[in-house]
Structures are given as structure tokens and as C-alpha cells.
Amino acid sequence: MLGERKECQKIIRVKSLNPNSDLGALAKEIIDKCKLIHPSKLPEVEQLLYYLQNRKETGPSKASGKTELHETPEVPTYDATEINETANINDLDEYLELLYEDVAEKIRGSALLLQLSRNPDNLEELFSNETVVSALARVLRDDWKKSSELATNIIYIFFCFSSFTQFYG
């Protein structure tokens, strides 16, 4: 279970929710892992899980349990991310694997990671994933001469990290 912060809210991703889930046990697990929810709220958490479990599916991305990011910057100053894909935080491992392929795939993976890092809601999850940060640093160190687009994407990702003041401590 991973969460994001969004203006006085904490979004909790419940990946194990399916039609056969034990909602009581899942609600207790959520309350145990999220210290912001008081144990007295257990019935409300169960009710919310019941709602999520029984809501009508409206599209293929919701049927697979994934939500897509549709947030784009108002004035794009650099468009190395001009690819025909929309990045999804749930596919982070796939994008990470692209960084171990040939240069074209590394560019594609870095562009997708850049899309994710341009959304402030994703920065904490991306930065706290040591594998992502170390893979980006390795690719930048090893392959910066092979592709200026790849180097620019990765530098832009680190710029996004640097502009988030929570990482200074």
C-alpha cells in the first residue's frame, strides 16, 4: 500500500481490493498502516472499501486497477516527452526496466519517468524509490554522451526532485 499526499488528504492505493476481498481485514490493515486514521473509524473505512469494491467500472484503465495521469504543464518549455504514451505511476517498474535496455528504450523510459516527475503528487514516491534514483544516476553517468535527449530527460527529472523542498533535510 502506497500513498500520496494531496492538499490535506492522503491517497491510499489499495492494490489487493477485488470482489472476493475480506473488507474487514483489509480495513484493519489500512488503519494499522496509516497512523492518520483513528481505529474508531474502522466502520467508515469498511464502508469506503465496500463502495470502491462495488462501484461501476467506467473504462479499461479502471478495470485494470490503474488510473492514468492527465495533468500536463501549462507551458511546456521542453518536449522530450513527446511520446504517444501517458505515464502511469503503477507502471513504474516497467519504466525502470527500460533504463536497462538500448539507448532508444532508455530515452522512452526516461521520458515516461519525466512525465511522472513533472506531477508533484508523484515526487515523493519516485524519490523514495532508491532503485529509480540510482538507475537514473547510473544511466546519466554511463550514457550521457550517447544521447543528449536521454541526458536532458534525466537532468530534468533531477531538477524536478530538486524543486521539491521536502527533499532538503
N, C-alpha and C. Protein backbone atom coordinates (compact mmCIF):
# COMPACT_ATOMS: atom_id res chain seq x y z
N MET A 1 0.83 -1.18 0.00
CA MET A 1 0.00 0.00 0.00
C MET A 1 0.88 1.24 0.00
N LEU A 2 0.71 2.06 -0.98
CA LEU A 2 1.47 3.29 -1.08
C LEU A 2 0.49 4.44 -1.07
N GLY A 3 0.93 5.58 -0.61
CA GLY A 3 0.03 6.72 -0.57
C GLY A 3 0.68 7.96 -1.14
N GLU A 4 -0.17 8.88 -1.50
CA GLU A 4 0.28 10.17 -1.99
C GLU A 4 -0.37 11.23 -1.11
N ARG A 5 0.24 12.38 -1.03
CA ARG A 5 -0.37 13.49 -0.30
C ARG A 5 -0.97 14.45 -1.32
N LYS A 6 -2.17 14.92 -1.03
CA LYS A 6 -2.84 15.82 -1.95
C LYS A 6 -3.69 16.79 -1.14
N GLU A 7 -3.15 17.96 -0.82
CA GLU A 7 -3.84 19.02 -0.11
C GLU A 7 -4.68 18.50 1.05
N CYS A 8 -4.04 18.21 2.16
CA CYS A 8 -4.68 17.76 3.40
C CYS A 8 -5.39 16.43 3.24
N GLN A 9 -4.99 15.65 2.29
CA GLN A 9 -5.53 14.31 2.09
C GLN A 9 -4.37 13.35 1.95
N LYS A 10 -4.62 12.11 2.24
CA LYS A 10 -3.63 11.09 1.93
C LYS A 10 -4.36 10.06 1.08
N ILE A 11 -3.89 9.88 -0.13
CA ILE A 11 -4.49 8.92 -1.03
C ILE A 11 -3.80 7.59 -0.81
N ILE A 12 -4.57 6.58 -0.49
CA ILE A 12 -4.03 5.26 -0.21
C ILE A 12 -4.42 4.34 -1.36
N ARG A 13 -3.43 3.75 -1.98
CA ARG A 13 -3.70 2.80 -3.06
C ARG A 13 -3.91 1.42 -2.45
N VAL A 14 -5.03 0.82 -2.78
CA VAL A 14 -5.35 -0.50 -2.27
C VAL A 14 -5.31 -1.45 -3.45
N LYS A 15 -4.14 -2.07 -3.64
CA LYS A 15 -3.95 -2.92 -4.81
C LYS A 15 -4.62 -4.29 -4.65
N SER A 16 -4.86 -4.70 -3.41
CA SER A 16 -5.38 -6.04 -3.18
C SER A 16 -6.91 -6.09 -3.13
N LEU A 17 -7.59 -5.01 -3.48
CA LEU A 17 -9.05 -4.98 -3.45
C LEU A 17 -9.61 -5.66 -4.69
N ASN A 18 -10.41 -6.69 -4.48
CA ASN A 18 -11.09 -7.38 -5.58
C ASN A 18 -12.45 -7.84 -5.08
N PRO A 19 -13.29 -8.41 -5.93
CA PRO A 19 -14.63 -8.80 -5.50
C PRO A 19 -14.66 -9.81 -4.35
N ASN A 20 -13.57 -10.54 -4.13
CA ASN A 20 -13.54 -11.55 -3.07
C ASN A 20 -12.79 -11.10 -1.83
N SER A 21 -12.42 -9.84 -1.75
CA SER A 21 -11.63 -9.33 -0.62
C SER A 21 -12.43 -9.34 0.67
N ASP A 22 -11.74 -9.63 1.78
CA ASP A 22 -12.32 -9.53 3.11
C ASP A 22 -12.19 -8.07 3.53
N LEU A 23 -13.29 -7.33 3.44
CA LEU A 23 -13.24 -5.89 3.67
C LEU A 23 -12.87 -5.54 5.10
N GLY A 24 -13.32 -6.34 6.06
CA GLY A 24 -12.98 -6.07 7.46
C GLY A 24 -11.49 -6.18 7.72
N ALA A 25 -10.88 -7.24 7.21
CA ALA A 25 -9.45 -7.44 7.39
C ALA A 25 -8.65 -6.37 6.64
N LEU A 26 -9.11 -6.03 5.45
CA LEU A 26 -8.42 -5.01 4.65
C LEU A 26 -8.52 -3.64 5.32
N ALA A 27 -9.69 -3.32 5.88
CA ALA A 27 -9.87 -2.05 6.59
C ALA A 27 -8.95 -1.99 7.81
N LYS A 28 -8.85 -3.10 8.54
CA LYS A 28 -7.96 -3.14 9.71
C LYS A 28 -6.50 -2.96 9.28
N GLU A 29 -6.11 -3.58 8.17
CA GLU A 29 -4.74 -3.44 7.67
C GLU A 29 -4.44 -1.99 7.29
N ILE A 30 -5.41 -1.33 6.66
CA ILE A 30 -5.23 0.07 6.28
C ILE A 30 -5.06 0.94 7.52
N ILE A 31 -5.89 0.72 8.52
CA ILE A 31 -5.80 1.52 9.75
C ILE A 31 -4.48 1.25 10.47
N ASP A 32 -4.01 0.00 10.45
CA ASP A 32 -2.73 -0.33 11.09
C ASP A 32 -1.56 0.35 10.39
N LYS A 33 -1.62 0.45 9.06
CA LYS A 33 -0.51 1.01 8.30
C LYS A 33 -0.56 2.53 8.19
N CYS A 34 -1.73 3.10 8.32
CA CYS A 34 -1.88 4.56 8.19
C CYS A 34 -2.23 5.14 9.55
N LYS A 35 -1.25 5.75 10.18
CA LYS A 35 -1.43 6.28 11.53
C LYS A 35 -2.35 7.50 11.57
N LEU A 36 -2.69 8.05 10.40
CA LEU A 36 -3.57 9.21 10.35
C LEU A 36 -5.04 8.84 10.58
N ILE A 37 -5.37 7.57 10.43
CA ILE A 37 -6.76 7.12 10.58
C ILE A 37 -6.91 6.50 11.96
N HIS A 38 -7.77 7.06 12.77
CA HIS A 38 -8.00 6.55 14.12
C HIS A 38 -8.75 5.22 14.05
N PRO A 39 -8.41 4.27 14.92
CA PRO A 39 -9.08 2.95 14.90
C PRO A 39 -10.60 3.03 15.04
N SER A 40 -11.12 4.09 15.63
CA SER A 40 -12.58 4.22 15.76
C SER A 40 -13.26 4.43 14.40
N LYS A 41 -12.48 4.71 13.36
CA LYS A 41 -13.02 4.94 12.02
C LYS A 41 -13.12 3.66 11.20
N LEU A 42 -12.90 2.50 11.83
CA LEU A 42 -12.93 1.22 11.13
C LEU A 42 -14.21 1.02 10.31
N PRO A 43 -15.41 1.26 10.88
CA PRO A 43 -16.63 1.08 10.06
C PRO A 43 -16.67 1.98 8.82
N GLU A 44 -16.17 3.21 8.96
CA GLU A 44 -16.16 4.11 7.81
C GLU A 44 -15.20 3.63 6.73
N VAL A 45 -14.04 3.12 7.15
CA VAL A 45 -13.08 2.60 6.19
C VAL A 45 -13.67 1.39 5.48
N GLU A 46 -14.35 0.51 6.24
CA GLU A 46 -15.00 -0.65 5.61
C GLU A 46 -16.05 -0.19 4.60
N GLN A 47 -16.82 0.84 4.95
CA GLN A 47 -17.85 1.35 4.04
C GLN A 47 -17.23 1.91 2.77
N LEU A 48 -16.12 2.63 2.90
CA LEU A 48 -15.44 3.17 1.73
C LEU A 48 -14.89 2.04 0.85
N LEU A 49 -14.35 1.01 1.48
CA LEU A 49 -13.86 -0.14 0.71
C LEU A 49 -15.01 -0.84 0.00
N TYR A 50 -16.15 -0.94 0.68
CA TYR A 50 -17.33 -1.56 0.06
C TYR A 50 -17.75 -0.75 -1.17
N TYR A 51 -17.74 0.57 -1.03
CA TYR A 51 -18.08 1.44 -2.16
C TYR A 51 -17.10 1.22 -3.31
N LEU A 52 -15.81 1.21 -3.00
CA LEU A 52 -14.80 1.01 -4.05
C LEU A 52 -14.96 -0.35 -4.72
N GLN A 53 -15.27 -1.36 -3.93
CA GLN A 53 -15.40 -2.71 -4.45
C GLN A 53 -16.61 -2.84 -5.39
N ASN A 54 -17.66 -2.09 -5.11
CA ASN A 54 -18.91 -2.25 -5.86
C ASN A 54 -19.21 -1.12 -6.84
N ARG A 55 -18.33 -0.16 -6.96
CA ARG A 55 -18.59 0.93 -7.91
C ARG A 55 -18.56 0.40 -9.34
N LYS A 56 -19.24 1.10 -10.19
CA LYS A 56 -19.29 0.68 -11.59
C LYS A 56 -17.99 1.06 -12.27
N GLU A 57 -17.44 0.14 -13.02
CA GLU A 57 -16.21 0.39 -13.78
C GLU A 57 -16.59 1.22 -15.00
N THR A 58 -15.80 2.28 -15.29
CA THR A 58 -16.16 3.16 -16.39
C THR A 58 -15.21 3.10 -17.56
N GLY A 59 -14.09 2.45 -17.44
CA GLY A 59 -13.14 2.42 -18.55
C GLY A 59 -12.12 1.32 -18.38
N PRO A 60 -11.36 1.04 -19.44
CA PRO A 60 -10.38 -0.03 -19.36
C PRO A 60 -9.29 0.23 -18.34
N SER A 61 -8.91 1.49 -18.11
CA SER A 61 -7.85 1.75 -17.14
C SER A 61 -8.35 1.49 -15.72
N LYS A 62 -9.64 1.75 -15.45
CA LYS A 62 -10.17 1.48 -14.12
C LYS A 62 -10.39 -0.02 -13.92
N ALA A 63 -10.71 -0.73 -14.98
CA ALA A 63 -10.92 -2.17 -14.86
C ALA A 63 -9.64 -2.88 -14.47
N SER A 64 -8.51 -2.35 -14.86
CA SER A 64 -7.24 -2.98 -14.51
C SER A 64 -6.71 -2.47 -13.18
N GLY A 65 -7.43 -1.56 -12.52
CA GLY A 65 -7.00 -1.05 -11.24
C GLY A 65 -6.00 0.07 -11.35
N LYS A 66 -5.83 0.61 -12.53
CA LYS A 66 -4.83 1.66 -12.73
C LYS A 66 -5.55 2.95 -13.10
N THR A 67 -4.99 4.05 -12.64
CA THR A 67 -5.51 5.35 -13.05
C THR A 67 -4.40 6.07 -13.78
N GLU A 68 -4.77 6.76 -14.82
CA GLU A 68 -3.78 7.45 -15.64
C GLU A 68 -3.65 8.90 -15.20
N LEU A 69 -2.48 9.43 -15.39
CA LEU A 69 -2.24 10.84 -15.09
C LEU A 69 -2.60 11.66 -16.33
N HIS A 70 -3.40 12.69 -16.13
CA HIS A 70 -3.79 13.53 -17.26
C HIS A 70 -3.28 14.95 -17.07
N GLU A 71 -2.51 15.18 -16.03
CA GLU A 71 -2.02 16.52 -15.75
C GLU A 71 -0.85 16.84 -16.65
N THR A 72 -0.96 17.95 -17.38
CA THR A 72 0.13 18.39 -18.24
C THR A 72 0.49 19.81 -17.86
N PRO A 73 1.71 20.20 -18.05
CA PRO A 73 2.10 21.56 -17.70
C PRO A 73 1.44 22.57 -18.64
N GLU A 74 1.20 23.79 -18.12
CA GLU A 74 0.54 24.81 -18.92
C GLU A 74 1.40 25.23 -20.11
N VAL A 75 2.67 25.49 -19.86
CA VAL A 75 3.58 25.95 -20.91
C VAL A 75 4.77 25.01 -20.94
N PRO A 76 4.74 24.01 -21.81
CA PRO A 76 5.89 23.11 -21.85
C PRO A 76 7.10 23.81 -22.46
N THR A 77 8.19 23.84 -21.70
CA THR A 77 9.39 24.51 -22.19
C THR A 77 10.32 23.52 -22.86
N TYR A 78 10.13 22.25 -22.57
CA TYR A 78 10.98 21.22 -23.16
C TYR A 78 10.10 20.02 -23.44
N ASP A 79 10.08 19.54 -24.67
CA ASP A 79 9.17 18.48 -25.05
C ASP A 79 9.88 17.19 -25.42
N ALA A 80 10.84 16.77 -24.63
CA ALA A 80 11.49 15.48 -24.87
C ALA A 80 10.53 14.34 -24.54
N THR A 81 9.44 14.67 -23.88
CA THR A 81 8.48 13.64 -23.51
C THR A 81 7.42 13.44 -24.58
N GLU A 82 7.64 13.94 -25.77
CA GLU A 82 6.67 13.77 -26.84
C GLU A 82 6.68 12.33 -27.32
N ILE A 83 6.00 11.50 -26.57
CA ILE A 83 5.83 10.10 -26.94
C ILE A 83 4.34 9.84 -26.91
N ASN A 84 3.92 8.79 -27.53
CA ASN A 84 2.50 8.51 -27.66
C ASN A 84 1.97 7.70 -26.49
N GLU A 85 2.53 7.89 -25.32
CA GLU A 85 2.10 7.18 -24.13
C GLU A 85 1.87 8.18 -23.01
N THR A 86 0.95 7.82 -22.13
CA THR A 86 0.75 8.60 -20.92
C THR A 86 1.32 7.79 -19.77
N ALA A 87 2.19 8.40 -19.00
CA ALA A 87 2.83 7.71 -17.89
C ALA A 87 1.82 7.40 -16.80
N ASN A 88 2.04 6.28 -16.13
CA ASN A 88 1.18 5.82 -15.06
C ASN A 88 2.07 5.37 -13.92
N ILE A 89 1.86 5.90 -12.73
CA ILE A 89 2.72 5.58 -11.58
C ILE A 89 2.70 4.09 -11.26
N ASN A 90 1.62 3.41 -11.60
CA ASN A 90 1.54 1.96 -11.35
C ASN A 90 2.47 1.16 -12.25
N ASP A 91 2.96 1.77 -13.33
CA ASP A 91 3.86 1.08 -14.26
C ASP A 91 5.32 1.47 -14.03
N LEU A 92 5.62 1.98 -12.86
CA LEU A 92 6.97 2.46 -12.55
C LEU A 92 8.03 1.39 -12.78
N ASP A 93 7.76 0.14 -12.39
CA ASP A 93 8.74 -0.93 -12.58
C ASP A 93 9.04 -1.17 -14.05
N GLU A 94 8.03 -1.06 -14.90
CA GLU A 94 8.25 -1.23 -16.34
C GLU A 94 9.14 -0.13 -16.90
N TYR A 95 8.93 1.10 -16.44
CA TYR A 95 9.75 2.21 -16.91
C TYR A 95 11.20 2.05 -16.42
N LEU A 96 11.34 1.52 -15.21
CA LEU A 96 12.67 1.28 -14.66
C LEU A 96 13.41 0.23 -15.49
N GLU A 97 12.70 -0.81 -15.92
CA GLU A 97 13.32 -1.85 -16.75
C GLU A 97 13.80 -1.29 -18.09
N LEU A 98 13.11 -0.28 -18.62
CA LEU A 98 13.53 0.33 -19.88
C LEU A 98 14.90 0.99 -19.77
N LEU A 99 15.27 1.39 -18.56
CA LEU A 99 16.58 2.02 -18.36
C LEU A 99 17.74 1.03 -18.48
N TYR A 100 17.43 -0.25 -18.59
CA TYR A 100 18.46 -1.28 -18.74
C TYR A 100 18.52 -1.81 -20.17
N GLU A 101 17.79 -1.19 -21.08
CA GLU A 101 17.75 -1.64 -22.48
C GLU A 101 18.69 -0.78 -23.33
N ASP A 102 18.45 -0.79 -24.65
CA ASP A 102 19.28 0.02 -25.55
C ASP A 102 18.93 1.51 -25.40
N VAL A 103 19.67 2.36 -26.07
CA VAL A 103 19.53 3.81 -25.89
C VAL A 103 18.11 4.28 -26.23
N ALA A 104 17.51 3.76 -27.29
CA ALA A 104 16.16 4.19 -27.67
C ALA A 104 15.16 3.88 -26.55
N GLU A 105 15.27 2.71 -25.96
CA GLU A 105 14.37 2.34 -24.86
C GLU A 105 14.68 3.15 -23.60
N LYS A 106 15.95 3.46 -23.38
CA LYS A 106 16.31 4.31 -22.23
C LYS A 106 15.69 5.69 -22.39
N ILE A 107 15.69 6.21 -23.61
CA ILE A 107 15.07 7.52 -23.86
C ILE A 107 13.57 7.44 -23.57
N ARG A 108 12.93 6.38 -24.06
CA ARG A 108 11.49 6.20 -23.82
C ARG A 108 11.21 6.09 -22.32
N GLY A 109 11.99 5.27 -21.61
CA GLY A 109 11.80 5.10 -20.17
C GLY A 109 12.03 6.40 -19.41
N SER A 110 13.07 7.14 -19.80
CA SER A 110 13.34 8.41 -19.11
C SER A 110 12.25 9.43 -19.40
N ALA A 111 11.70 9.41 -20.61
CA ALA A 111 10.61 10.33 -20.95
C ALA A 111 9.36 10.02 -20.12
N LEU A 112 9.06 8.74 -19.93
CA LEU A 112 7.91 8.36 -19.12
C LEU A 112 8.14 8.72 -17.65
N LEU A 113 9.35 8.49 -17.16
CA LEU A 113 9.67 8.88 -15.78
C LEU A 113 9.61 10.40 -15.62
N LEU A 114 10.00 11.12 -16.65
CA LEU A 114 9.91 12.58 -16.60
C LEU A 114 8.46 13.03 -16.53
N GLN A 115 7.58 12.38 -17.29
CA GLN A 115 6.15 12.71 -17.19
C GLN A 115 5.68 12.54 -15.75
N LEU A 116 6.08 11.44 -15.11
CA LEU A 116 5.67 11.20 -13.73
C LEU A 116 6.26 12.24 -12.78
N SER A 117 7.52 12.60 -12.99
CA SER A 117 8.17 13.52 -12.06
C SER A 117 7.68 14.96 -12.24
N ARG A 118 7.05 15.27 -13.34
CA ARG A 118 6.50 16.61 -13.54
C ARG A 118 5.20 16.80 -12.76
N ASN A 119 4.66 15.71 -12.22
CA ASN A 119 3.47 15.78 -11.38
C ASN A 119 3.93 15.76 -9.92
N PRO A 120 3.75 16.85 -9.17
CA PRO A 120 4.24 16.91 -7.79
C PRO A 120 3.71 15.80 -6.89
N ASP A 121 2.54 15.26 -7.20
CA ASP A 121 1.98 14.18 -6.38
C ASP A 121 2.82 12.91 -6.45
N ASN A 122 3.61 12.75 -7.51
CA ASN A 122 4.41 11.53 -7.68
C ASN A 122 5.83 11.66 -7.13
N LEU A 123 6.27 12.88 -6.83
CA LEU A 123 7.67 13.10 -6.49
C LEU A 123 8.13 12.31 -5.28
N GLU A 124 7.32 12.27 -4.23
CA GLU A 124 7.74 11.56 -3.02
C GLU A 124 7.94 10.08 -3.29
N GLU A 125 7.00 9.48 -4.01
CA GLU A 125 7.12 8.05 -4.31
C GLU A 125 8.32 7.77 -5.21
N LEU A 126 8.55 8.61 -6.20
CA LEU A 126 9.70 8.41 -7.09
C LEU A 126 11.01 8.57 -6.35
N PHE A 127 11.12 9.64 -5.56
CA PHE A 127 12.38 9.92 -4.88
C PHE A 127 12.68 8.90 -3.79
N SER A 128 11.64 8.37 -3.15
CA SER A 128 11.86 7.38 -2.08
C SER A 128 12.21 6.01 -2.64
N ASN A 129 12.05 5.81 -3.94
CA ASN A 129 12.41 4.54 -4.57
C ASN A 129 13.89 4.61 -4.96
N GLU A 130 14.74 4.02 -4.11
CA GLU A 130 16.19 4.10 -4.31
C GLU A 130 16.62 3.48 -5.64
N THR A 131 15.91 2.46 -6.09
CA THR A 131 16.27 1.81 -7.35
C THR A 131 16.11 2.78 -8.51
N VAL A 132 15.04 3.56 -8.50
CA VAL A 132 14.81 4.53 -9.57
C VAL A 132 15.91 5.59 -9.56
N VAL A 133 16.20 6.15 -8.40
CA VAL A 133 17.19 7.22 -8.31
C VAL A 133 18.57 6.71 -8.72
N SER A 134 18.95 5.53 -8.23
CA SER A 134 20.29 5.01 -8.58
C SER A 134 20.37 4.61 -10.05
N ALA A 135 19.28 4.08 -10.61
CA ALA A 135 19.29 3.72 -12.04
C ALA A 135 19.40 4.98 -12.90
N LEU A 136 18.69 6.04 -12.53
CA LEU A 136 18.80 7.29 -13.28
C LEU A 136 20.22 7.85 -13.20
N ALA A 137 20.81 7.81 -12.02
CA ALA A 137 22.18 8.31 -11.86
C ALA A 137 23.16 7.47 -12.69
N ARG A 138 22.97 6.15 -12.68
CA ARG A 138 23.86 5.27 -13.44
C ARG A 138 23.75 5.53 -14.94
N VAL A 139 22.51 5.64 -15.44
CA VAL A 139 22.31 5.88 -16.87
C VAL A 139 22.90 7.24 -17.26
N LEU A 140 22.70 8.24 -16.43
CA LEU A 140 23.27 9.55 -16.73
C LEU A 140 24.80 9.48 -16.76
N ARG A 141 25.39 8.80 -15.79
CA ARG A 141 26.85 8.69 -15.72
C ARG A 141 27.41 7.91 -16.91
N ASP A 142 26.74 6.80 -17.27
CA ASP A 142 27.28 5.91 -18.31
C ASP A 142 26.92 6.32 -19.73
N ASP A 143 25.75 6.92 -19.94
CA ASP A 143 25.24 7.11 -21.30
C ASP A 143 25.01 8.56 -21.71
N TRP A 144 25.47 9.52 -20.94
CA TRP A 144 25.16 10.90 -21.27
C TRP A 144 25.75 11.33 -22.61
N LYS A 145 26.83 10.70 -23.02
CA LYS A 145 27.45 11.07 -24.30
C LYS A 145 26.72 10.46 -25.50
N LYS A 146 25.97 9.39 -25.25
CA LYS A 146 25.31 8.68 -26.35
C LYS A 146 24.07 9.40 -26.86
N SER A 147 23.41 10.16 -25.98
CA SER A 147 22.17 10.82 -26.39
C SER A 147 21.95 12.07 -25.54
N SER A 148 21.87 13.20 -26.20
CA SER A 148 21.60 14.44 -25.46
C SER A 148 20.16 14.45 -24.95
N GLU A 149 19.25 13.80 -25.69
CA GLU A 149 17.85 13.73 -25.25
C GLU A 149 17.74 12.93 -23.95
N LEU A 150 18.45 11.81 -23.89
CA LEU A 150 18.46 10.98 -22.68
C LEU A 150 19.02 11.78 -21.50
N ALA A 151 20.16 12.42 -21.72
CA ALA A 151 20.78 13.21 -20.65
C ALA A 151 19.86 14.33 -20.19
N THR A 152 19.22 15.00 -21.13
CA THR A 152 18.33 16.11 -20.79
C THR A 152 17.12 15.62 -19.99
N ASN A 153 16.53 14.49 -20.40
CA ASN A 153 15.40 13.93 -19.65
C ASN A 153 15.79 13.66 -18.21
N ILE A 154 16.93 13.00 -18.01
CA ILE A 154 17.35 12.62 -16.66
C ILE A 154 17.69 13.85 -15.82
N ILE A 155 18.37 14.80 -16.43
CA ILE A 155 18.69 16.03 -15.69
C ILE A 155 17.41 16.76 -15.31
N TYR A 156 16.43 16.76 -16.20
CA TYR A 156 15.14 17.40 -15.91
C TYR A 156 14.45 16.67 -14.76
N ILE A 157 14.53 15.34 -14.71
CA ILE A 157 13.95 14.58 -13.60
C ILE A 157 14.60 15.00 -12.28
N PHE A 158 15.93 15.08 -12.26
CA PHE A 158 16.61 15.51 -11.04
C PHE A 158 16.27 16.96 -10.70
N PHE A 159 16.05 17.79 -11.71
CA PHE A 159 15.60 19.16 -11.46
C PHE A 159 14.24 19.15 -10.76
N CYS A 160 13.34 18.29 -11.22
CA CYS A 160 12.02 18.18 -10.57
C CYS A 160 12.18 17.77 -9.11
N PHE A 161 13.09 16.83 -8.84
CA PHE A 161 13.36 16.43 -7.45
C PHE A 161 13.88 17.63 -6.65
N SER A 162 14.78 18.40 -7.24
CA SER A 162 15.42 19.50 -6.50
C SER A 162 14.46 20.63 -6.20
N SER A 163 13.42 20.77 -6.99
CA SER A 163 12.48 21.87 -6.76
C SER A 163 11.45 21.53 -5.69
N PHE A 164 11.49 20.31 -5.19
CA PHE A 164 10.54 19.87 -4.16
C PHE A 164 11.23 20.00 -2.81
N THR A 165 10.87 21.02 -2.03
CA THR A 165 11.60 21.37 -0.81
C THR A 165 11.57 20.28 0.25
N GLN A 166 10.64 19.34 0.19
CA GLN A 166 10.56 18.28 1.19
C GLN A 166 11.82 17.40 1.18
N PHE A 167 12.55 17.39 0.09
CA PHE A 167 13.72 16.52 -0.01
C PHE A 167 14.97 17.15 0.59
N TYR A 168 14.88 18.39 1.03
CA TYR A 168 16.02 19.02 1.69
C TYR A 168 15.86 18.79 3.18
N GLY A 169 16.80 18.18 3.80
CA GLY A 169 16.60 17.94 5.21
C GLY A 169 17.79 17.74 5.94
